[in-house]
PDB file of N, CA and C in Angstrom:
ATOM      1  N   MET A   1    -186.187 -62.790-107.802  1.00  0.00           N
ATOM      2  CA  MET A   1    -185.549 -61.980-108.821  1.00  0.00           C
ATOM      3  C   MET A   1    -184.121 -62.493-109.000  1.00  0.00           C
ATOM      4  N   ALA A   2    -183.717 -62.738-110.204  1.00  0.00           N
ATOM      5  CA  ALA A   2    -182.460 -63.421-110.512  1.00  0.00           C
ATOM      6  C   ALA A   2    -181.210 -62.691-110.043  1.00  0.00           C
ATOM      7  N   ASP A   3    -181.182 -61.368-110.110  1.00  0.00           N
ATOM      8  CA  ASP A   3    -179.957 -60.644-109.770  1.00  0.00           C
ATOM      9  C   ASP A   3    -179.994 -60.012-108.383  1.00  0.00           C
ATOM     10  N   CYS A   4    -180.938 -60.380-107.542  1.00  0.00           N
ATOM     11  CA  CYS A   4    -181.082 -59.810-106.208  1.00  0.00           C
ATOM     12  C   CYS A   4    -180.225 -60.591-105.215  1.00  0.00           C
ATOM     13  N   VAL A   5    -179.330 -59.893-104.515  1.00  0.00           N
ATOM     14  CA  VAL A   5    -178.437 -60.559-103.562  1.00  0.00           C
ATOM     15  C   VAL A   5    -179.217 -61.251-102.446  1.00  0.00           C
ATOM     16  N   PHE A   6    -180.292 -60.647-101.955  1.00  0.00           N
ATOM     17  CA  PHE A   6    -181.055 -61.291-100.888  1.00  0.00           C
ATOM     18  C   PHE A   6    -181.806 -62.511-101.409  1.00  0.00           C
ATOM     19  N   CYS A   7    -182.318 -62.460-102.626  1.00  0.00           N
ATOM     20  CA  CYS A   7    -182.962 -63.641-103.211  1.00  0.00           C
ATOM     21  C   CYS A   7    -181.953 -64.776-103.360  1.00  0.00           C
ATOM     22  N   LYS A   8    -180.716 -64.437-103.709  1.00  0.00           N
ATOM     23  CA  LYS A   8    -179.670 -65.456-103.826  1.00  0.00           C
ATOM     24  C   LYS A   8    -179.306 -66.047-102.469  1.00  0.00           C
ATOM     25  N   ILE A   9    -179.319 -65.238-101.426  1.00  0.00           N
ATOM     26  CA  ILE A   9    -179.073 -65.762-100.075  1.00  0.00           C
ATOM     27  C   ILE A   9    -180.221 -66.673 -99.664  1.00  0.00           C
ATOM     28  N   VAL A  10    -181.458 -66.241 -99.903  1.00  0.00           N
ATOM     29  CA  VAL A  10    -182.630 -67.060 -99.574  1.00  0.00           C
ATOM     30  C   VAL A  10    -182.562 -68.398-100.305  1.00  0.00           C
ATOM     31  N   ALA A  11    -182.129 -68.386-101.569  1.00  0.00           N
ATOM     32  CA  ALA A  11    -182.045 -69.602-102.389  1.00  0.00           C
ATOM     33  C   ALA A  11    -180.790 -70.421-102.096  1.00  0.00           C
ATOM     34  N   ARG A  12    -179.955 -69.952-101.180  1.00  0.00           N
ATOM     35  CA  ARG A  12    -178.707 -70.614-100.789  1.00  0.00           C
ATOM     36  C   ARG A  12    -177.660 -70.623-101.914  1.00  0.00           C
ATOM     37  N   GLU A  13    -177.778 -69.686-102.842  1.00  0.00           N
ATOM     38  CA  GLU A  13    -176.770 -69.527-103.888  1.00  0.00           C
ATOM     39  C   GLU A  13    -175.572 -68.746-103.364  1.00  0.00           C
ATOM     40  N   ILE A  14    -175.799 -67.928-102.346  1.00  0.00           N
ATOM     41  CA  ILE A  14    -174.744 -67.181-101.658  1.00  0.00           C
ATOM     42  C   ILE A  14    -174.803 -67.616-100.198  1.00  0.00           C
ATOM     43  N   PRO A  15    -173.674 -68.071 -99.643  1.00  0.00           N
ATOM     44  CA  PRO A  15    -173.705 -68.511 -98.246  1.00  0.00           C
ATOM     45  C   PRO A  15    -173.855 -67.337 -97.287  1.00  0.00           C
ATOM     46  N   ALA A  16    -174.559 -67.576 -96.198  1.00  0.00           N
ATOM     47  CA  ALA A  16    -174.731 -66.575 -95.150  1.00  0.00           C
ATOM     48  C   ALA A  16    -175.043 -67.295 -93.847  1.00  0.00           C
ATOM     49  N   GLU A  17    -174.632 -66.688 -92.743  1.00  0.00           N
ATOM     50  CA  GLU A  17    -174.969 -67.213 -91.429  1.00  0.00           C
ATOM     51  C   GLU A  17    -176.429 -66.881 -91.145  1.00  0.00           C
ATOM     52  N   LEU A  18    -177.227 -67.887 -90.911  1.00  0.00           N
ATOM     53  CA  LEU A  18    -178.638 -67.666 -90.623  1.00  0.00           C
ATOM     54  C   LEU A  18    -178.838 -67.598 -89.113  1.00  0.00           C
ATOM     55  N   LEU A  19    -179.277 -66.449 -88.638  1.00  0.00           N
ATOM     56  CA  LEU A  19    -179.576 -66.266 -87.222  1.00  0.00           C
ATOM     57  C   LEU A  19    -181.014 -66.656 -86.910  1.00  0.00           C
ATOM     58  N   HIS A  20    -181.846 -66.648 -87.947  1.00  0.00           N
ATOM     59  CA  HIS A  20    -183.249 -67.057 -87.831  1.00  0.00           C
ATOM     60  C   HIS A  20    -183.696 -67.464 -89.216  1.00  0.00           C
ATOM     61  N   GLU A  21    -184.568 -68.473 -89.245  1.00  0.00           N
ATOM     62  CA  GLU A  21    -185.136 -68.921 -90.513  1.00  0.00           C
ATOM     63  C   GLU A  21    -186.500 -69.518 -90.237  1.00  0.00           C
ATOM     64  N   ASP A  22    -187.487 -69.093 -91.016  1.00  0.00           N
ATOM     65  CA  ASP A  22    -188.802 -69.721 -90.969  1.00  0.00           C
ATOM     66  C   ASP A  22    -189.386 -69.664 -92.372  1.00  0.00           C
ATOM     67  N   GLU A  23    -190.657 -69.995 -92.493  1.00  0.00           N
ATOM     68  CA  GLU A  23    -191.266 -70.079 -93.828  1.00  0.00           C
ATOM     69  C   GLU A  23    -191.423 -68.715 -94.503  1.00  0.00           C
ATOM     70  N   ARG A  24    -191.331 -67.620 -93.742  1.00  0.00           N
ATOM     71  CA  ARG A  24    -191.553 -66.288 -94.320  1.00  0.00           C
ATOM     72  C   ARG A  24    -190.310 -65.416 -94.405  1.00  0.00           C
ATOM     73  N   VAL A  25    -189.368 -65.582 -93.474  1.00  0.00           N
ATOM     74  CA  VAL A  25    -188.205 -64.683 -93.419  1.00  0.00           C
ATOM     75  C   VAL A  25    -186.936 -65.433 -93.035  1.00  0.00           C
ATOM     76  N   ILE A  26    -185.814 -64.772 -93.314  1.00  0.00           N
ATOM     77  CA  ILE A  26    -184.529 -65.182 -92.770  1.00  0.00           C
ATOM     78  C   ILE A  26    -183.944 -63.970 -92.052  1.00  0.00           C
ATOM     79  N   ALA A  27    -182.998 -64.213 -91.166  1.00  0.00           N
ATOM     80  CA  ALA A  27    -182.267 -63.130 -90.509  1.00  0.00           C
ATOM     81  C   ALA A  27    -180.786 -63.459 -90.598  1.00  0.00           C
ATOM     82  N   ILE A  28    -180.003 -62.451 -91.011  1.00  0.00           N
ATOM     83  CA  ILE A  28    -178.568 -62.632 -91.213  1.00  0.00           C
ATOM     84  C   ILE A  28    -177.818 -61.439 -90.625  1.00  0.00           C
ATOM     85  N   PRO A  29    -176.564 -61.630 -90.228  1.00  0.00           N
ATOM     86  CA  PRO A  29    -175.777 -60.483 -89.783  1.00  0.00           C
ATOM     87  C   PRO A  29    -175.531 -59.533 -90.962  1.00  0.00           C
ATOM     88  N   ASP A  30    -175.535 -58.236 -90.703  1.00  0.00           N
ATOM     89  CA  ASP A  30    -175.202 -57.255 -91.739  1.00  0.00           C
ATOM     90  C   ASP A  30    -173.704 -57.348 -92.025  1.00  0.00           C
ATOM     91  N   ILE A  31    -173.310 -57.281 -93.298  1.00  0.00           N
ATOM     92  CA  ILE A  31    -171.889 -57.395 -93.644  1.00  0.00           C
ATOM     93  C   ILE A  31    -171.119 -56.115 -93.356  1.00  0.00           C
ATOM     94  N   SER A  32    -171.827 -55.032 -93.093  1.00  0.00           N
ATOM     95  CA  SER A  32    -171.199 -53.763 -92.724  1.00  0.00           C
ATOM     96  C   SER A  32    -171.906 -53.208 -91.491  1.00  0.00           C
ATOM     97  N   PRO A  33    -171.685 -53.838 -90.337  1.00  0.00           N
ATOM     98  CA  PRO A  33    -172.471 -53.478 -89.148  1.00  0.00           C
ATOM     99  C   PRO A  33    -172.255 -52.044 -88.695  1.00  0.00           C
ATOM    100  N   GLN A  34    -173.366 -51.408 -88.310  1.00  0.00           N
ATOM    101  CA  GLN A  34    -173.360 -50.033 -87.824  1.00  0.00           C
ATOM    102  C   GLN A  34    -173.563 -49.966 -86.319  1.00  0.00           C
ATOM    103  N   ALA A  35    -173.635 -51.124 -85.673  1.00  0.00           N
ATOM    104  CA  ALA A  35    -173.777 -51.229 -84.222  1.00  0.00           C
ATOM    105  C   ALA A  35    -173.228 -52.602 -83.842  1.00  0.00           C
ATOM    106  N   PRO A  36    -172.911 -52.818 -82.569  1.00  0.00           N
ATOM    107  CA  PRO A  36    -172.411 -54.132 -82.159  1.00  0.00           C
ATOM    108  C   PRO A  36    -173.338 -55.281 -82.569  1.00  0.00           C
ATOM    109  N   THR A  37    -174.636 -55.054 -82.512  1.00  0.00           N
ATOM    110  CA  THR A  37    -175.609 -56.006 -83.045  1.00  0.00           C
ATOM    111  C   THR A  37    -176.281 -55.331 -84.231  1.00  0.00           C
ATOM    112  N   HIS A  38    -176.129 -55.930 -85.414  1.00  0.00           N
ATOM    113  CA  HIS A  38    -176.756 -55.391 -86.624  1.00  0.00           C
ATOM    114  C   HIS A  38    -177.177 -56.589 -87.469  1.00  0.00           C
ATOM    115  N   VAL A  39    -178.462 -56.862 -87.456  1.00  0.00           N
ATOM    116  CA  VAL A  39    -179.042 -58.013 -88.134  1.00  0.00           C
ATOM    117  C   VAL A  39    -180.031 -57.525 -89.176  1.00  0.00           C
ATOM    118  N   LEU A  40    -180.072 -58.204 -90.306  1.00  0.00           N
ATOM    119  CA  LEU A  40    -181.063 -57.921 -91.345  1.00  0.00           C
ATOM    120  C   LEU A  40    -182.122 -59.007 -91.318  1.00  0.00           C
ATOM    121  N   ILE A  41    -183.373 -58.596 -91.287  1.00  0.00           N
ATOM    122  CA  ILE A  41    -184.500 -59.526 -91.359  1.00  0.00           C
ATOM    123  C   ILE A  41    -185.100 -59.352 -92.745  1.00  0.00           C
ATOM    124  N   VAL A  42    -185.041 -60.422 -93.532  1.00  0.00           N
ATOM    125  CA  VAL A  42    -185.325 -60.365 -94.966  1.00  0.00           C
ATOM    126  C   VAL A  42    -186.482 -61.299 -95.319  1.00  0.00           C
ATOM    127  N   PRO A  43    -187.540 -60.786 -95.934  1.00  0.00           N
ATOM    128  CA  PRO A  43    -188.593 -61.685 -96.413  1.00  0.00           C
ATOM    129  C   PRO A  43    -188.055 -62.630 -97.486  1.00  0.00           C
ATOM    130  N   ARG A  44    -188.503 -63.851 -97.474  1.00  0.00           N
ATOM    131  CA  ARG A  44    -188.123 -64.800 -98.524  1.00  0.00           C
ATOM    132  C   ARG A  44    -188.670 -64.345 -99.876  1.00  0.00           C
ATOM    133  N   ARG A  45    -189.862 -63.786 -99.850  1.00  0.00           N
ATOM    134  CA  ARG A  45    -190.504 -63.301-101.081  1.00  0.00           C
ATOM    135  C   ARG A  45    -189.868 -61.983-101.493  1.00  0.00           C
ATOM    136  N   HIS A  46    -189.572 -61.835-102.767  1.00  0.00           N
ATOM    137  CA  HIS A  46    -188.975 -60.592-103.246  1.00  0.00           C
ATOM    138  C   HIS A  46    -190.038 -59.492-103.279  1.00  0.00           C
ATOM    139  N   ILE A  47    -189.789 -58.462-102.496  1.00  0.00           N
ATOM    140  CA  ILE A  47    -190.584 -57.239-102.498  1.00  0.00           C
ATOM    141  C   ILE A  47    -189.563 -56.125-102.609  1.00  0.00           C
ATOM    142  N   ALA A  48    -189.607 -55.344-103.676  1.00  0.00           N
ATOM    143  CA  ALA A  48    -188.544 -54.378-103.955  1.00  0.00           C
ATOM    144  C   ALA A  48    -188.390 -53.319-102.866  1.00  0.00           C
ATOM    145  N   SER A  49    -189.485 -52.777-102.374  1.00  0.00           N
ATOM    146  CA  SER A  49    -189.398 -51.756-101.329  1.00  0.00           C
ATOM    147  C   SER A  49    -190.687 -51.761-100.525  1.00  0.00           C
ATOM    148  N   LEU A  50    -190.687 -51.009 -99.459  1.00  0.00           N
ATOM    149  CA  LEU A  50    -191.881 -50.900 -98.631  1.00  0.00           C
ATOM    150  C   LEU A  50    -193.045 -50.331 -99.442  1.00  0.00           C
ATOM    151  N   MET A  51    -192.757 -49.559-100.460  1.00  0.00           N
ATOM    152  CA  MET A  51    -193.800 -48.986-101.306  1.00  0.00           C
ATOM    153  C   MET A  51    -194.483 -50.046-102.175  1.00  0.00           C
ATOM    154  N   ASP A  52    -193.890 -51.227-102.277  1.00  0.00           N
ATOM    155  CA  ASP A  52    -194.474 -52.329-103.045  1.00  0.00           C
ATOM    156  C   ASP A  52    -195.122 -53.358-102.136  1.00  0.00           C
ATOM    157  N   ALA A  53    -195.371 -52.996-100.899  1.00  0.00           N
ATOM    158  CA  ALA A  53    -195.767 -53.957 -99.875  1.00  0.00           C
ATOM    159  C   ALA A  53    -197.256 -53.980 -99.578  1.00  0.00           C
ATOM    160  N   GLU A  54    -198.076 -53.461-100.470  1.00  0.00           N
ATOM    161  CA  GLU A  54    -199.517 -53.446-100.212  1.00  0.00           C
ATOM    162  C   GLU A  54    -200.027 -54.864 -99.973  1.00  0.00           C
ATOM    163  N   GLY A  55    -200.846 -55.022 -98.949  1.00  0.00           N
ATOM    164  CA  GLY A  55    -201.420 -56.323 -98.656  1.00  0.00           C
ATOM    165  C   GLY A  55    -200.491 -57.252 -97.882  1.00  0.00           C
ATOM    166  N   THR A  56    -199.420 -56.725 -97.312  1.00  0.00           N
ATOM    167  CA  THR A  56    -198.457 -57.576 -96.612  1.00  0.00           C
ATOM    168  C   THR A  56    -198.335 -57.240 -95.127  1.00  0.00           C
ATOM    169  N   ALA A  57    -199.363 -56.644 -94.552  1.00  0.00           N
ATOM    170  CA  ALA A  57    -199.304 -56.240 -93.148  1.00  0.00           C
ATOM    171  C   ALA A  57    -198.995 -57.422 -92.230  1.00  0.00           C
ATOM    172  N   ASP A  58    -199.528 -58.603 -92.548  1.00  0.00           N
ATOM    173  CA  ASP A  58    -199.248 -59.769 -91.712  1.00  0.00           C
ATOM    174  C   ASP A  58    -197.771 -60.132 -91.752  1.00  0.00           C
ATOM    175  N   LEU A  59    -197.134 -59.989 -92.902  1.00  0.00           N
ATOM    176  CA  LEU A  59    -195.692 -60.253 -93.019  1.00  0.00           C
ATOM    177  C   LEU A  59    -194.905 -59.281 -92.155  1.00  0.00           C
ATOM    178  N   TYR A  60    -195.277 -58.017 -92.172  1.00  0.00           N
ATOM    179  CA  TYR A  60    -194.531 -57.024 -91.403  1.00  0.00           C
ATOM    180  C   TYR A  60    -194.769 -57.173 -89.903  1.00  0.00           C
ATOM    181  N   GLY A  61    -195.945 -57.608 -89.517  1.00  0.00           N
ATOM    182  CA  GLY A  61    -196.171 -57.945 -88.116  1.00  0.00           C
ATOM    183  C   GLY A  61    -195.286 -59.107 -87.693  1.00  0.00           C
ATOM    184  N   HIS A  62    -195.133 -60.075 -88.574  1.00  0.00           N
ATOM    185  CA  HIS A  62    -194.261 -61.225 -88.308  1.00  0.00           C
ATOM    186  C   HIS A  62    -192.810 -60.766 -88.165  1.00  0.00           C
ATOM    187  N   ILE A  63    -192.371 -59.853 -89.031  1.00  0.00           N
ATOM    188  CA  ILE A  63    -190.996 -59.343 -88.959  1.00  0.00           C
ATOM    189  C   ILE A  63    -190.761 -58.628 -87.629  1.00  0.00           C
ATOM    190  N   VAL A  64    -191.718 -57.841 -87.182  1.00  0.00           N
ATOM    191  CA  VAL A  64    -191.580 -57.162 -85.891  1.00  0.00           C
ATOM    192  C   VAL A  64    -191.455 -58.192 -84.770  1.00  0.00           C
ATOM    193  N   ASP A  65    -192.254 -59.246 -84.821  1.00  0.00           N
ATOM    194  CA  ASP A  65    -192.171 -60.281 -83.804  1.00  0.00           C
ATOM    195  C   ASP A  65    -190.814 -60.997 -83.852  1.00  0.00           C
ATOM    196  N   VAL A  66    -190.332 -61.317 -85.045  1.00  0.00           N
ATOM    197  CA  VAL A  66    -189.009 -61.936 -85.187  1.00  0.00           C
ATOM    198  C   VAL A  66    -187.939 -60.996 -84.645  1.00  0.00           C
ATOM    199  N   GLY A  67    -188.036 -59.711 -84.954  1.00  0.00           N
ATOM    200  CA  GLY A  67    -187.073 -58.728 -84.448  1.00  0.00           C
ATOM    201  C   GLY A  67    -187.065 -58.673 -82.933  1.00  0.00           C
ATOM    202  N   ARG A  68    -188.228 -58.698 -82.332  1.00  0.00           N
ATOM    203  CA  ARG A  68    -188.346 -58.685 -80.868  1.00  0.00           C
ATOM    204  C   ARG A  68    -187.686 -59.919 -80.263  1.00  0.00           C
ATOM    205  N   ARG A  69    -187.975 -61.081 -80.848  1.00  0.00           N
ATOM    206  CA  ARG A  69    -187.395 -62.324 -80.326  1.00  0.00           C
ATOM    207  C   ARG A  69    -185.881 -62.364 -80.530  1.00  0.00           C
ATOM    208  N   LEU A  70    -185.396 -61.887 -81.685  1.00  0.00           N
ATOM    209  CA  LEU A  70    -183.946 -61.834 -81.915  1.00  0.00           C
ATOM    210  C   LEU A  70    -183.272 -60.879 -80.933  1.00  0.00           C
ATOM    211  N   ALA A  71    -183.895 -59.734 -80.671  1.00  0.00           N
ATOM    212  CA  ALA A  71    -183.325 -58.782 -79.711  1.00  0.00           C
ATOM    213  C   ALA A  71    -183.173 -59.438 -78.344  1.00  0.00           C
ATOM    214  N   GLN A  72    -184.147 -60.212 -77.939  1.00  0.00           N
ATOM    215  CA  GLN A  72    -184.046 -60.934 -76.668  1.00  0.00           C
ATOM    216  C   GLN A  72    -182.917 -61.956 -76.722  1.00  0.00           C
ATOM    217  N   ARG A  73    -182.903 -62.755 -77.770  1.00  0.00           N
ATOM    218  CA  ARG A  73    -181.901 -63.820 -77.891  1.00  0.00           C
ATOM    219  C   ARG A  73    -180.480 -63.274 -77.989  1.00  0.00           C
ATOM    220  N   LEU A  74    -180.318 -62.131 -78.654  1.00  0.00           N
ATOM    221  CA  LEU A  74    -178.984 -61.548 -78.855  1.00  0.00           C
ATOM    222  C   LEU A  74    -178.564 -60.617 -77.729  1.00  0.00           C
ATOM    223  N   GLY A  75    -179.416 -60.456 -76.730  1.00  0.00           N
ATOM    224  CA  GLY A  75    -179.051 -59.724 -75.528  1.00  0.00           C
ATOM    225  C   GLY A  75    -179.141 -58.211 -75.610  1.00  0.00           C
ATOM    226  N   VAL A  76    -179.930 -57.681 -76.553  1.00  0.00           N
ATOM    227  CA  VAL A  76    -180.051 -56.222 -76.662  1.00  0.00           C
ATOM    228  C   VAL A  76    -181.435 -55.707 -76.265  1.00  0.00           C
ATOM    229  N   ALA A  77    -182.344 -56.592 -75.913  1.00  0.00           N
ATOM    230  CA  ALA A  77    -183.718 -56.176 -75.613  1.00  0.00           C
ATOM    231  C   ALA A  77    -183.795 -55.287 -74.378  1.00  0.00           C
ATOM    232  N   ASN A  78    -183.100 -55.626 -73.317  1.00  0.00           N
ATOM    233  CA  ASN A  78    -183.202 -54.855 -72.082  1.00  0.00           C
ATOM    234  C   ASN A  78    -182.626 -53.458 -72.220  1.00  0.00           C
ATOM    235  N   GLY A  79    -181.503 -53.313 -72.897  1.00  0.00           N
ATOM    236  CA  GLY A  79    -180.876 -52.001 -73.065  1.00  0.00           C
ATOM    237  C   GLY A  79    -181.559 -51.150 -74.110  1.00  0.00           C
ATOM    238  N   GLY A  80    -182.256 -51.782 -75.028  1.00  0.00           N
ATOM    239  CA  GLY A  80    -182.954 -51.077 -76.099  1.00  0.00           C
ATOM    240  C   GLY A  80    -182.340 -51.367 -77.446  1.00  0.00           C
ATOM    241  N   PHE A  81    -183.154 -51.253 -78.466  1.00  0.00           N
ATOM    242  CA  PHE A  81    -182.713 -51.547 -79.828  1.00  0.00           C
ATOM    243  C   PHE A  81    -183.574 -50.755 -80.794  1.00  0.00           C
ATOM    244  N   ARG A  82    -183.166 -50.768 -82.039  1.00  0.00           N
ATOM    245  CA  ARG A  82    -183.917 -50.099 -83.089  1.00  0.00           C
ATOM    246  C   ARG A  82    -184.234 -51.137 -84.162  1.00  0.00           C
ATOM    247  N   LEU A  83    -185.470 -51.127 -84.657  1.00  0.00           N
ATOM    248  CA  LEU A  83    -185.899 -51.976 -85.761  1.00  0.00           C
ATOM    249  C   LEU A  83    -186.426 -51.037 -86.826  1.00  0.00           C
ATOM    250  N   LEU A  84    -185.750 -51.001 -87.977  1.00  0.00           N
ATOM    251  CA  LEU A  84    -186.127 -50.021 -88.989  1.00  0.00           C
ATOM    252  C   LEU A  84    -186.007 -50.572 -90.393  1.00  0.00           C
ATOM    253  N   VAL A  85    -186.686 -49.889 -91.309  1.00  0.00           N
ATOM    254  CA  VAL A  85    -186.618 -50.241 -92.726  1.00  0.00           C
ATOM    255  C   VAL A  85    -186.320 -48.968 -93.502  1.00  0.00           C
ATOM    256  N   ASN A  86    -185.327 -49.040 -94.378  1.00  0.00           N
ATOM    257  CA  ASN A  86    -185.001 -47.928 -95.268  1.00  0.00           C
ATOM    258  C   ASN A  86    -185.782 -48.116 -96.565  1.00  0.00           C
ATOM    259  N   THR A  87    -186.317 -47.031 -97.093  1.00  0.00           N
ATOM    260  CA  THR A  87    -187.109 -47.110 -98.319  1.00  0.00           C
ATOM    261  C   THR A  87    -186.645 -46.056 -99.308  1.00  0.00           C
ATOM    262  N   GLY A  88    -186.256 -46.492-100.496  1.00  0.00           N
ATOM    263  CA  GLY A  88    -185.810 -45.588-101.554  1.00  0.00           C
ATOM    264  C   GLY A  88    -184.412 -45.046-101.311  1.00  0.00           C
ATOM    265  N   SER A  89    -183.852 -44.425-102.330  1.00  0.00           N
ATOM    266  CA  SER A  89    -182.468 -43.944-102.242  1.00  0.00           C
ATOM    267  C   SER A  89    -182.298 -42.866-101.181  1.00  0.00           C
ATOM    268  N   ASP A  90    -183.232 -41.925-101.073  1.00  0.00           N
ATOM    269  CA  ASP A  90    -183.114 -40.894-100.035  1.00  0.00           C
ATOM    270  C   ASP A  90    -183.302 -41.477 -98.632  1.00  0.00           C
ATOM    271  N   GLY A  91    -183.993 -42.588 -98.533  1.00  0.00           N
ATOM    272  CA  GLY A  91    -184.187 -43.255 -97.250  1.00  0.00           C
ATOM    273  C   GLY A  91    -183.044 -44.175 -96.886  1.00  0.00           C
ATOM    274  N   GLY A  92    -182.069 -44.330 -97.779  1.00  0.00           N
ATOM    275  CA  GLY A  92    -180.900 -45.149 -97.493  1.00  0.00           C
ATOM    276  C   GLY A  92    -181.013 -46.598 -97.908  1.00  0.00           C
ATOM    277  N   GLN A  93    -182.013 -46.949 -98.701  1.00  0.00           N
ATOM    278  CA  GLN A  93    -182.151 -48.341 -99.142  1.00  0.00           C
ATOM    279  C   GLN A  93    -181.085 -48.650-100.177  1.00  0.00           C
ATOM    280  N   ALA A  94    -180.192 -49.585 -99.859  1.00  0.00           N
ATOM    281  CA  ALA A  94    -179.083 -49.932-100.752  1.00  0.00           C
ATOM    282  C   ALA A  94    -179.365 -51.166-101.598  1.00  0.00           C
ATOM    283  N   VAL A  95    -180.228 -52.055-101.116  1.00  0.00           N
ATOM    284  CA  VAL A  95    -180.567 -53.284-101.842  1.00  0.00           C
ATOM    285  C   VAL A  95    -182.058 -53.241-102.155  1.00  0.00           C
ATOM    286  N   PRO A  96    -182.445 -53.398-103.419  1.00  0.00           N
ATOM    287  CA  PRO A  96    -183.863 -53.323-103.773  1.00  0.00           C
ATOM    288  C   PRO A  96    -184.634 -54.609-103.448  1.00  0.00           C
ATOM    289  N   HIS A  97    -184.605 -54.975-102.201  1.00  0.00           N
ATOM    290  CA  HIS A  97    -185.384 -56.082-101.634  1.00  0.00           C
ATOM    291  C   HIS A  97    -185.644 -55.646-100.208  1.00  0.00           C
ATOM    292  N   VAL A  98    -186.901 -55.389 -99.866  1.00  0.00           N
ATOM    293  CA  VAL A  98    -187.218 -54.843 -98.550  1.00  0.00           C
ATOM    294  C   VAL A  98    -186.589 -55.703 -97.459  1.00  0.00           C
ATOM    295  N   HIS A  99    -186.040 -55.044 -96.456  1.00  0.00           N
ATOM    296  CA  HIS A  99    -185.432 -55.737 -95.318  1.00  0.00           C
ATOM    297  C   HIS A  99    -185.418 -54.790 -94.128  1.00  0.00           C
ATOM    298  N   PHE A 100    -185.499 -55.366 -92.952  1.00  0.00           N
ATOM    299  CA  PHE A 100    -185.496 -54.594 -91.717  1.00  0.00           C
ATOM    300  C   PHE A 100    -184.152 -54.744 -91.036  1.00  0.00           C
ATOM    301  N   HIS A 101    -183.675 -53.657 -90.446  1.00  0.00           N
ATOM    302  CA  HIS A 101    -182.428 -53.652 -89.692  1.00  0.00           C
ATOM    303  C   HIS A 101    -182.757 -53.711 -88.207  1.00  0.00           C
ATOM    304  N   LEU A 102    -182.134 -54.636 -87.498  1.00  0.00           N
ATOM    305  CA  LEU A 102    -182.184 -54.700 -86.045  1.00  0.00           C
ATOM    306  C   LEU A 102    -180.822 -54.229 -85.550  1.00  0.00           C
ATOM    307  N   LEU A 103    -180.810 -53.092 -84.859  1.00  0.00           N
ATOM    308  CA  LEU A 103    -179.564 -52.503 -84.359  1.00  0.00           C
ATOM    309  C   LEU A 103    -179.634 -52.390 -82.841  1.00  0.00           C
ATOM    310  N   GLY A 104    -178.536 -52.726 -82.185  1.00  0.00           N
ATOM    311  CA  GLY A 104    -178.480 -52.599 -80.738  1.00  0.00           C
ATOM    312  C   GLY A 104    -177.076 -52.824 -80.223  1.00  0.00           C
ATOM    313  N   GLY A 105    -176.960 -52.809 -78.921  1.00  0.00           N
ATOM    314  CA  GLY A 105    -175.667 -53.048 -78.296  1.00  0.00           C
ATOM    315  C   GLY A 105    -174.899 -51.786 -77.955  1.00  0.00           C
ATOM    316  N   ARG A 106    -175.466 -50.635 -78.264  1.00  0.00           N
ATOM    317  CA  ARG A 106    -174.886 -49.340 -77.900  1.00  0.00           C
ATOM    318  C   ARG A 106    -175.999 -48.308 -77.947  1.00  0.00           C
ATOM    319  N   ALA A 107    -175.750 -47.136 -77.376  1.00  0.00           N
ATOM    320  CA  ALA A 107    -176.730 -46.049 -77.466  1.00  0.00           C
ATOM    321  C   ALA A 107    -176.793 -45.586 -78.918  1.00  0.00           C
ATOM    322  N   LEU A 108    -177.987 -45.477 -79.443  1.00  0.00           N
ATOM    323  CA  LEU A 108    -178.200 -45.072 -80.833  1.00  0.00           C
ATOM    324  C   LEU A 108    -178.667 -43.613 -80.843  1.00  0.00           C
ATOM    325  N   GLY A 109    -177.988 -42.792 -81.594  1.00  0.00           N
ATOM    326  CA  GLY A 109    -178.303 -41.358 -81.620  1.00  0.00           C
ATOM    327  C   GLY A 109    -179.569 -41.037 -82.383  1.00  0.00           C
ATOM    328  N   TRP A 110    -180.023 -39.799 -82.169  1.00  0.00           N
ATOM    329  CA  TRP A 110    -181.190 -39.273 -82.892  1.00  0.00           C
ATOM    330  C   TRP A 110    -180.924 -37.817 -83.177  1.00  0.00           C
ATOM    331  N   PRO A 111    -181.180 -37.309 -84.359  1.00  0.00           N
ATOM    332  CA  PRO A 111    -181.765 -38.031 -85.470  1.00  0.00           C
ATOM    333  C   PRO A 111    -180.745 -38.976 -86.103  1.00  0.00           C
ATOM    334  N   PRO A 112    -181.255 -40.029 -86.737  1.00  0.00           N
ATOM    335  CA  PRO A 112    -180.362 -41.033 -87.319  1.00  0.00           C
ATOM    336  C   PRO A 112    -179.873 -40.596 -88.688  1.00  0.00           C
ATOM    337  N   GLY A 113    -178.785 -40.264 -89.004  1.00  0.00           N
ATOM    338  CA  GLY A 113    -178.452 -39.985 -90.407  1.00  0.00           C
ATOM    339  C   GLY A 113    -178.094 -38.594 -90.700  1.00  0.00           C
TER     340      GLY A 113
END
């Protein structure tokens, strides 16, 4: 999608630090971190929200695996971390391109929000 910030990052039109990159996803630091470790795992393919994700279970399994490996590499796996996706405006989705947040490095409260 031409005006999507994540599509522009994937296309290298906007520079970003890549913490992970493969044929299906990229992972980048969040520009407004909510925890000491706050990484976004973004599919290369534009999918507006989780509600548009029918038939993509394999992609989401891959994202969970990438999140697990990043948590280990970034040193938050042992203490615990959160891997989540916001969907829609009430769910806190700010960018209309599905992405998962990996948060860790401190105790995370509940309920979130």
